[in-house]
Amino acid sequence: MTPINPNTEINPVPPSGTVYTETVETVVVRESNTGWWIAGVLGGLVLIAVLWILFAGRGPGDADARMLEAQAAATQAQAASDAAMVQGQITGAQASIEIARADAARAQAEAVRSSSDARAAEARAMTPPATVVVTTPAPSTGQAVVTPNAPQN
């Protein structure tokens, strides 16, 4: 066996006499650590910025004042939240009352309509039936009568 160079052309000769040519190419890609270096430098800068913000310009009494301000703000936010919740419950109760009133008005209208329907049915039941007159046609003589209004065929 001989070593195969991937950059060389291989020209096998098939038994039929036809010649085929194949070219083999190789692509070499080198790895790069540039992206990792950029990410590391940016991460370090962010860490330094966070530490500088945490430790810059604060005195010992300043933290206590800020803590009290934060607690006062949290208390105010909780009070506003409670007030909004109570107002929402009041609004929901008012909406429920309005819905109940509408349902009661609808039920009352249906009761009035049913009552009037019952009175109308009772009145119809009390009225005597109309007289029906049945007439019989005159006996026919068997002769056709032609009138000027009769259709002519």
N, C-alpha and C. Protein backbone atom coordinates (compact mmCIF):
# COMPACT_ATOMS: atom_id res chain seq x y z
N MET A 1 0.83 -1.18 0.00
CA MET A 1 0.00 0.00 0.00
C MET A 1 0.88 1.24 0.00
N THR A 2 0.35 2.24 -0.67
CA THR A 2 1.09 3.51 -0.72
C THR A 2 0.26 4.58 -0.03
N PRO A 3 0.88 5.57 0.57
CA PRO A 3 0.12 6.65 1.19
C PRO A 3 -0.59 7.50 0.12
N ILE A 4 -1.78 7.97 0.43
CA ILE A 4 -2.57 8.74 -0.53
C ILE A 4 -2.50 10.21 -0.14
N ASN A 5 -2.12 11.03 -1.08
CA ASN A 5 -2.09 12.48 -0.87
C ASN A 5 -3.44 13.02 -1.30
N PRO A 6 -4.18 13.72 -0.45
CA PRO A 6 -5.52 14.18 -0.81
C PRO A 6 -5.52 15.28 -1.89
N ASN A 7 -4.38 15.90 -2.15
CA ASN A 7 -4.32 16.96 -3.16
C ASN A 7 -3.95 16.44 -4.54
N THR A 8 -3.79 15.19 -4.68
CA THR A 8 -3.40 14.65 -5.99
C THR A 8 -4.62 14.16 -6.73
N GLU A 9 -4.52 14.12 -8.02
CA GLU A 9 -5.61 13.63 -8.85
C GLU A 9 -5.47 12.12 -9.02
N ILE A 10 -6.61 11.46 -8.95
CA ILE A 10 -6.62 10.01 -9.11
C ILE A 10 -7.30 9.73 -10.43
N ASN A 11 -6.63 9.03 -11.29
CA ASN A 11 -7.18 8.71 -12.60
C ASN A 11 -7.22 7.19 -12.78
N PRO A 12 -8.23 6.54 -12.24
CA PRO A 12 -8.32 5.11 -12.49
C PRO A 12 -8.81 4.86 -13.92
N VAL A 13 -8.34 3.83 -14.49
CA VAL A 13 -8.74 3.49 -15.86
C VAL A 13 -9.68 2.30 -15.77
N PRO A 14 -10.96 2.54 -16.10
CA PRO A 14 -11.90 1.42 -16.07
C PRO A 14 -11.63 0.46 -17.23
N PRO A 15 -12.10 -0.74 -17.13
CA PRO A 15 -11.80 -1.73 -18.15
C PRO A 15 -12.41 -1.39 -19.52
N SER A 16 -13.43 -0.53 -19.56
CA SER A 16 -14.05 -0.24 -20.86
C SER A 16 -13.23 0.74 -21.67
N GLY A 17 -12.24 1.35 -21.10
CA GLY A 17 -11.40 2.27 -21.83
C GLY A 17 -11.82 3.73 -21.62
N THR A 18 -12.93 4.00 -20.93
CA THR A 18 -13.36 5.38 -20.68
C THR A 18 -12.58 5.90 -19.48
N VAL A 19 -12.17 7.17 -19.55
CA VAL A 19 -11.34 7.75 -18.49
C VAL A 19 -12.21 8.73 -17.68
N TYR A 20 -12.24 8.55 -16.35
CA TYR A 20 -12.92 9.45 -15.43
C TYR A 20 -11.86 10.14 -14.58
N THR A 21 -12.11 11.43 -14.26
CA THR A 21 -11.15 12.19 -13.46
C THR A 21 -11.87 12.72 -12.23
N GLU A 22 -11.26 12.57 -11.06
CA GLU A 22 -11.79 13.09 -9.81
C GLU A 22 -10.73 13.95 -9.17
N THR A 23 -11.18 15.09 -8.56
CA THR A 23 -10.26 15.96 -7.85
C THR A 23 -10.72 16.03 -6.40
N VAL A 24 -9.81 15.82 -5.48
CA VAL A 24 -10.12 15.83 -4.06
C VAL A 24 -9.49 17.10 -3.48
N GLU A 25 -10.35 17.91 -2.81
CA GLU A 25 -9.86 19.14 -2.20
C GLU A 25 -10.03 19.04 -0.69
N THR A 26 -9.11 19.64 0.04
CA THR A 26 -9.21 19.66 1.49
C THR A 26 -9.29 21.11 1.94
N VAL A 27 -10.10 21.33 2.94
CA VAL A 27 -10.26 22.67 3.51
C VAL A 27 -9.82 22.59 4.96
N VAL A 28 -8.92 23.48 5.34
CA VAL A 28 -8.39 23.50 6.70
C VAL A 28 -8.94 24.75 7.37
N VAL A 29 -9.64 24.55 8.49
CA VAL A 29 -10.17 25.68 9.26
C VAL A 29 -9.47 25.67 10.61
N ARG A 30 -8.87 26.78 10.94
CA ARG A 30 -8.16 26.86 12.21
C ARG A 30 -9.11 27.36 13.29
N GLU A 31 -8.96 26.85 14.50
CA GLU A 31 -9.79 27.30 15.61
C GLU A 31 -9.27 28.64 16.10
N SER A 32 -10.25 29.47 16.56
CA SER A 32 -9.87 30.79 17.05
C SER A 32 -10.47 30.99 18.43
N ASN A 33 -9.71 31.54 19.33
CA ASN A 33 -10.17 31.82 20.69
C ASN A 33 -10.53 33.29 20.86
N THR A 34 -10.64 34.03 19.79
CA THR A 34 -10.90 35.46 19.88
C THR A 34 -12.23 35.76 20.56
N GLY A 35 -13.26 35.01 20.22
CA GLY A 35 -14.58 35.22 20.84
C GLY A 35 -14.54 35.02 22.34
N TRP A 36 -13.80 34.01 22.79
CA TRP A 36 -13.71 33.74 24.22
C TRP A 36 -12.95 34.87 24.92
N TRP A 37 -11.91 35.40 24.27
CA TRP A 37 -11.16 36.50 24.87
C TRP A 37 -12.04 37.75 25.00
N ILE A 38 -12.83 38.03 23.98
CA ILE A 38 -13.72 39.21 24.03
C ILE A 38 -14.76 39.03 25.13
N ALA A 39 -15.35 37.84 25.23
CA ALA A 39 -16.35 37.58 26.27
C ALA A 39 -15.73 37.70 27.66
N GLY A 40 -14.53 37.22 27.84
CA GLY A 40 -13.85 37.31 29.14
C GLY A 40 -13.57 38.75 29.53
N VAL A 41 -13.08 39.55 28.58
CA VAL A 41 -12.78 40.96 28.88
C VAL A 41 -14.07 41.70 29.23
N LEU A 42 -15.14 41.48 28.46
CA LEU A 42 -16.41 42.15 28.76
C LEU A 42 -16.95 41.72 30.12
N GLY A 43 -16.87 40.45 30.44
CA GLY A 43 -17.31 39.97 31.74
C GLY A 43 -16.54 40.62 32.88
N GLY A 44 -15.22 40.77 32.70
CA GLY A 44 -14.39 41.43 33.72
C GLY A 44 -14.78 42.89 33.88
N LEU A 45 -15.04 43.57 32.77
CA LEU A 45 -15.45 44.98 32.85
C LEU A 45 -16.79 45.12 33.58
N VAL A 46 -17.72 44.23 33.31
CA VAL A 46 -19.01 44.28 33.99
C VAL A 46 -18.83 44.04 35.48
N LEU A 47 -18.00 43.09 35.85
CA LEU A 47 -17.75 42.81 37.26
C LEU A 47 -17.12 44.01 37.96
N ILE A 48 -16.17 44.66 37.32
CA ILE A 48 -15.54 45.85 37.91
C ILE A 48 -16.56 46.97 38.05
N ALA A 49 -17.43 47.16 37.04
CA ALA A 49 -18.44 48.22 37.11
C ALA A 49 -19.42 47.95 38.25
N VAL A 50 -19.83 46.72 38.45
CA VAL A 50 -20.77 46.39 39.53
C VAL A 50 -20.13 46.64 40.88
N LEU A 51 -18.91 46.22 41.05
CA LEU A 51 -18.22 46.45 42.32
C LEU A 51 -18.02 47.95 42.58
N TRP A 52 -17.69 48.72 41.55
CA TRP A 52 -17.49 50.16 41.71
C TRP A 52 -18.81 50.83 42.12
N ILE A 53 -19.93 50.41 41.51
CA ILE A 53 -21.23 50.99 41.85
C ILE A 53 -21.60 50.65 43.28
N LEU A 54 -21.31 49.43 43.72
CA LEU A 54 -21.67 49.02 45.07
C LEU A 54 -20.88 49.75 46.15
N PHE A 55 -19.62 50.01 45.90
CA PHE A 55 -18.76 50.54 46.96
C PHE A 55 -18.43 52.01 46.81
N ALA A 56 -18.87 52.69 45.77
CA ALA A 56 -18.49 54.09 45.55
C ALA A 56 -19.47 55.03 46.23
N GLY A 57 -18.97 55.99 46.97
CA GLY A 57 -19.72 57.12 47.49
C GLY A 57 -20.77 56.83 48.55
N ARG A 58 -20.63 55.82 49.32
CA ARG A 58 -21.61 55.55 50.37
C ARG A 58 -20.93 55.66 51.73
N GLY A 59 -21.62 56.39 52.60
CA GLY A 59 -21.12 56.48 53.97
C GLY A 59 -21.89 55.51 54.84
N PRO A 60 -21.49 55.35 56.10
CA PRO A 60 -22.17 54.39 56.97
C PRO A 60 -23.60 54.81 57.30
N GLY A 61 -23.90 56.10 57.45
CA GLY A 61 -25.24 56.55 57.77
C GLY A 61 -26.15 56.58 56.54
N ASP A 62 -25.55 56.64 55.40
CA ASP A 62 -26.31 56.72 54.15
C ASP A 62 -27.10 55.43 53.89
N ALA A 63 -26.55 54.29 54.24
CA ALA A 63 -27.23 53.01 54.03
C ALA A 63 -28.47 52.90 54.90
N ASP A 64 -28.39 53.40 56.15
CA ASP A 64 -29.56 53.33 57.03
C ASP A 64 -30.69 54.22 56.51
N ALA A 65 -30.35 55.41 56.02
CA ALA A 65 -31.36 56.32 55.49
C ALA A 65 -32.02 55.73 54.26
N ARG A 66 -31.22 55.14 53.42
CA ARG A 66 -31.78 54.51 52.21
C ARG A 66 -32.66 53.31 52.57
N MET A 67 -32.29 52.59 53.59
CA MET A 67 -33.09 51.45 54.03
C MET A 67 -34.44 51.92 54.54
N LEU A 68 -34.46 53.02 55.33
CA LEU A 68 -35.72 53.56 55.83
C LEU A 68 -36.58 54.08 54.69
N GLU A 69 -35.97 54.73 53.70
CA GLU A 69 -36.71 55.22 52.54
C GLU A 69 -37.32 54.05 51.77
N ALA A 70 -36.56 53.00 51.62
CA ALA A 70 -37.06 51.82 50.90
C ALA A 70 -38.22 51.17 51.65
N GLN A 71 -38.12 51.12 52.98
CA GLN A 71 -39.21 50.55 53.77
C GLN A 71 -40.46 51.41 53.69
N ALA A 72 -40.27 52.75 53.71
CA ALA A 72 -41.42 53.65 53.59
C ALA A 72 -42.08 53.51 52.22
N ALA A 73 -41.26 53.40 51.19
CA ALA A 73 -41.80 53.22 49.84
C ALA A 73 -42.55 51.89 49.73
N ALA A 74 -42.01 50.85 50.35
CA ALA A 74 -42.68 49.55 50.32
C ALA A 74 -44.00 49.60 51.06
N THR A 75 -44.04 50.32 52.19
CA THR A 75 -45.28 50.46 52.96
C THR A 75 -46.33 51.21 52.15
N GLN A 76 -45.90 52.29 51.47
CA GLN A 76 -46.82 53.05 50.64
C GLN A 76 -47.34 52.19 49.48
N ALA A 77 -46.47 51.42 48.88
CA ALA A 77 -46.88 50.56 47.77
C ALA A 77 -47.88 49.51 48.24
N GLN A 78 -47.66 48.95 49.44
CA GLN A 78 -48.58 47.96 49.99
C GLN A 78 -49.94 48.59 50.27
N ALA A 79 -49.93 49.83 50.82
CA ALA A 79 -51.18 50.52 51.11
C ALA A 79 -51.94 50.82 49.81
N ALA A 80 -51.21 51.25 48.77
CA ALA A 80 -51.86 51.52 47.48
C ALA A 80 -52.42 50.23 46.88
N SER A 81 -51.70 49.14 47.04
CA SER A 81 -52.17 47.85 46.53
C SER A 81 -53.44 47.41 47.26
N ASP A 82 -53.44 47.58 48.59
CA ASP A 82 -54.63 47.21 49.36
C ASP A 82 -55.83 48.06 48.97
N ALA A 83 -55.59 49.37 48.79
CA ALA A 83 -56.68 50.27 48.40
C ALA A 83 -57.23 49.89 47.03
N ALA A 84 -56.34 49.55 46.11
CA ALA A 84 -56.78 49.14 44.77
C ALA A 84 -57.57 47.84 44.83
N MET A 85 -57.15 46.92 45.70
CA MET A 85 -57.85 45.65 45.83
C MET A 85 -59.26 45.87 46.40
N VAL A 86 -59.38 46.74 47.41
CA VAL A 86 -60.68 47.03 48.00
C VAL A 86 -61.58 47.71 46.96
N GLN A 87 -60.99 48.67 46.22
CA GLN A 87 -61.77 49.35 45.18
C GLN A 87 -62.24 48.36 44.11
N GLY A 88 -61.40 47.41 43.77
CA GLY A 88 -61.80 46.38 42.80
C GLY A 88 -62.93 45.52 43.32
N GLN A 89 -62.87 45.19 44.61
CA GLN A 89 -63.95 44.40 45.20
C GLN A 89 -65.26 45.18 45.22
N ILE A 90 -65.17 46.49 45.52
CA ILE A 90 -66.37 47.33 45.53
C ILE A 90 -66.96 47.41 44.12
N THR A 91 -66.10 47.62 43.14
CA THR A 91 -66.57 47.70 41.76
C THR A 91 -67.20 46.38 41.33
N GLY A 92 -66.60 45.27 41.70
CA GLY A 92 -67.17 43.96 41.37
C GLY A 92 -68.53 43.75 42.04
N ALA A 93 -68.65 44.19 43.28
CA ALA A 93 -69.93 44.05 43.98
C ALA A 93 -71.00 44.91 43.33
N GLN A 94 -70.63 46.14 42.93
CA GLN A 94 -71.60 47.00 42.25
C GLN A 94 -72.04 46.40 40.93
N ALA A 95 -71.10 45.82 40.20
CA ALA A 95 -71.46 45.17 38.94
C ALA A 95 -72.40 43.99 39.19
N SER A 96 -72.15 43.24 40.25
CA SER A 96 -73.03 42.11 40.58
C SER A 96 -74.43 42.59 40.94
N ILE A 97 -74.51 43.71 41.66
CA ILE A 97 -75.82 44.26 42.02
C ILE A 97 -76.57 44.69 40.76
N GLU A 98 -75.87 45.34 39.83
CA GLU A 98 -76.52 45.77 38.58
C GLU A 98 -77.01 44.57 37.77
N ILE A 99 -76.23 43.52 37.73
CA ILE A 99 -76.64 42.30 37.01
C ILE A 99 -77.88 41.69 37.68
N ALA A 100 -77.89 41.67 39.03
CA ALA A 100 -79.04 41.12 39.75
C ALA A 100 -80.28 41.96 39.49
N ARG A 101 -80.13 43.29 39.45
CA ARG A 101 -81.27 44.16 39.16
C ARG A 101 -81.81 43.91 37.75
N ALA A 102 -80.90 43.75 36.79
CA ALA A 102 -81.34 43.48 35.42
C ALA A 102 -82.06 42.14 35.35
N ASP A 103 -81.55 41.13 36.05
CA ASP A 103 -82.22 39.83 36.06
C ASP A 103 -83.61 39.93 36.70
N ALA A 104 -83.72 40.71 37.78
CA ALA A 104 -85.01 40.86 38.45
C ALA A 104 -86.01 41.58 37.54
N ALA A 105 -85.54 42.62 36.83
CA ALA A 105 -86.43 43.34 35.91
C ALA A 105 -86.89 42.43 34.78
N ARG A 106 -85.99 41.60 34.27
CA ARG A 106 -86.33 40.66 33.19
C ARG A 106 -87.35 39.64 33.70
N ALA A 107 -87.15 39.13 34.92
CA ALA A 107 -88.09 38.16 35.49
C ALA A 107 -89.46 38.80 35.72
N GLN A 108 -89.47 40.05 36.17
CA GLN A 108 -90.75 40.74 36.39
C GLN A 108 -91.47 40.95 35.06
N ALA A 109 -90.72 41.32 34.01
CA ALA A 109 -91.34 41.51 32.69
C ALA A 109 -91.91 40.19 32.18
N GLU A 110 -91.20 39.10 32.39
CA GLU A 110 -91.71 37.79 31.96
C GLU A 110 -92.96 37.41 32.74
N ALA A 111 -93.01 37.76 34.04
CA ALA A 111 -94.19 37.45 34.85
C ALA A 111 -95.39 38.25 34.37
N VAL A 112 -95.18 39.53 34.04
CA VAL A 112 -96.27 40.36 33.53
C VAL A 112 -96.77 39.81 32.20
N ARG A 113 -95.84 39.43 31.33
CA ARG A 113 -96.22 38.89 30.02
C ARG A 113 -96.99 37.57 30.20
N SER A 114 -96.53 36.71 31.09
CA SER A 114 -97.22 35.44 31.34
C SER A 114 -98.62 35.68 31.90
N SER A 115 -98.74 36.66 32.79
CA SER A 115 -100.05 36.99 33.37
C SER A 115 -101.01 37.49 32.30
N SER A 116 -100.51 38.38 31.41
CA SER A 116 -101.39 38.89 30.34
C SER A 116 -101.74 37.79 29.36
N ASP A 117 -100.80 36.89 29.08
CA ASP A 117 -101.11 35.76 28.20
C ASP A 117 -102.18 34.86 28.82
N ALA A 118 -102.09 34.66 30.14
CA ALA A 118 -103.08 33.82 30.83
C ALA A 118 -104.46 34.49 30.79
N ARG A 119 -104.51 35.82 31.00
CA ARG A 119 -105.80 36.54 30.94
C ARG A 119 -106.39 36.47 29.54
N ALA A 120 -105.54 36.60 28.51
CA ALA A 120 -106.03 36.53 27.13
C ALA A 120 -106.55 35.14 26.82
N ALA A 121 -105.88 34.11 27.30
CA ALA A 121 -106.34 32.74 27.07
C ALA A 121 -107.66 32.50 27.80
N GLU A 122 -107.81 33.05 28.99
CA GLU A 122 -109.05 32.91 29.73
C GLU A 122 -110.20 33.62 29.02
N ALA A 123 -109.89 34.81 28.47
CA ALA A 123 -110.93 35.55 27.74
C ALA A 123 -111.35 34.79 26.49
N ARG A 124 -110.40 34.18 25.80
CA ARG A 124 -110.74 33.38 24.61
C ARG A 124 -111.58 32.17 25.00
N ALA A 125 -111.31 31.61 26.16
CA ALA A 125 -112.07 30.44 26.59
C ALA A 125 -113.50 30.82 26.97
N MET A 126 -113.73 32.04 27.45
CA MET A 126 -115.06 32.48 27.85
C MET A 126 -115.92 32.91 26.66
N THR A 127 -115.32 33.25 25.56
CA THR A 127 -116.06 33.71 24.39
C THR A 127 -116.67 32.51 23.69
N PRO A 128 -117.96 32.58 23.34
CA PRO A 128 -118.56 31.43 22.65
C PRO A 128 -118.00 31.34 21.23
N PRO A 129 -117.98 30.13 20.72
CA PRO A 129 -117.43 29.97 19.37
C PRO A 129 -118.30 30.68 18.35
N ALA A 130 -117.70 31.12 17.28
CA ALA A 130 -118.42 31.81 16.22
C ALA A 130 -119.32 30.81 15.50
N THR A 131 -120.46 31.31 15.00
CA THR A 131 -121.40 30.46 14.29
C THR A 131 -120.86 30.17 12.90
N VAL A 132 -120.90 28.93 12.53
CA VAL A 132 -120.40 28.52 11.23
C VAL A 132 -121.60 28.17 10.36
N VAL A 133 -121.68 28.78 9.18
CA VAL A 133 -122.77 28.51 8.25
C VAL A 133 -122.21 27.71 7.10
N VAL A 134 -122.81 26.56 6.88
CA VAL A 134 -122.38 25.70 5.79
C VAL A 134 -123.47 25.74 4.72
N THR A 135 -123.10 26.08 3.52
CA THR A 135 -124.08 26.13 2.42
C THR A 135 -123.74 25.06 1.42
N THR A 136 -124.76 24.56 0.79
CA THR A 136 -124.53 23.54 -0.23
C THR A 136 -124.74 24.19 -1.59
N PRO A 137 -124.00 23.82 -2.57
CA PRO A 137 -124.18 24.42 -3.89
C PRO A 137 -125.49 23.93 -4.53
N ALA A 138 -126.00 24.74 -5.41
CA ALA A 138 -127.24 24.39 -6.11
C ALA A 138 -127.00 23.19 -7.00
N PRO A 139 -128.00 22.37 -7.17
CA PRO A 139 -127.80 21.19 -8.02
C PRO A 139 -127.53 21.60 -9.46
N SER A 140 -126.69 20.87 -10.08
CA SER A 140 -126.27 21.17 -11.45
C SER A 140 -127.18 20.48 -12.45
N THR A 141 -127.47 21.14 -13.59
CA THR A 141 -128.31 20.56 -14.63
C THR A 141 -127.49 19.76 -15.61
N GLY A 142 -126.20 19.85 -15.51
CA GLY A 142 -125.34 19.09 -16.40
C GLY A 142 -124.93 19.89 -17.62
N GLN A 143 -125.47 21.06 -17.84
CA GLN A 143 -125.13 21.87 -18.99
C GLN A 143 -124.11 22.92 -18.55
N ALA A 144 -123.15 23.13 -19.40
CA ALA A 144 -122.15 24.14 -19.11
C ALA A 144 -122.70 25.50 -19.45
N VAL A 145 -122.42 26.45 -18.60
CA VAL A 145 -122.87 27.81 -18.83
C VAL A 145 -121.66 28.62 -19.23
N VAL A 146 -121.76 29.30 -20.33
CA VAL A 146 -120.64 30.12 -20.81
C VAL A 146 -120.98 31.56 -20.52
N THR A 147 -120.12 32.18 -19.83
CA THR A 147 -120.28 33.61 -19.52
C THR A 147 -119.13 34.37 -20.15
N PRO A 148 -119.30 35.68 -20.35
CA PRO A 148 -118.20 36.43 -20.97
C PRO A 148 -116.95 36.44 -20.08
N ASN A 149 -117.05 36.17 -18.80
CA ASN A 149 -115.88 36.18 -17.92
C ASN A 149 -115.16 34.84 -17.92
N ALA A 150 -115.80 33.82 -18.39
CA ALA A 150 -115.21 32.49 -18.32
C ALA A 150 -114.06 32.39 -19.31
N PRO A 151 -113.00 31.73 -18.95
CA PRO A 151 -111.88 31.58 -19.88
C PRO A 151 -112.27 30.70 -21.05
N GLN A 152 -111.85 31.10 -22.23
CA GLN A 152 -112.15 30.38 -23.45
C GLN A 152 -110.89 29.66 -23.91
N ASN A 153 -111.04 28.42 -24.25
CA ASN A 153 -109.89 27.66 -24.73
C ASN A 153 -109.85 27.58 -26.21
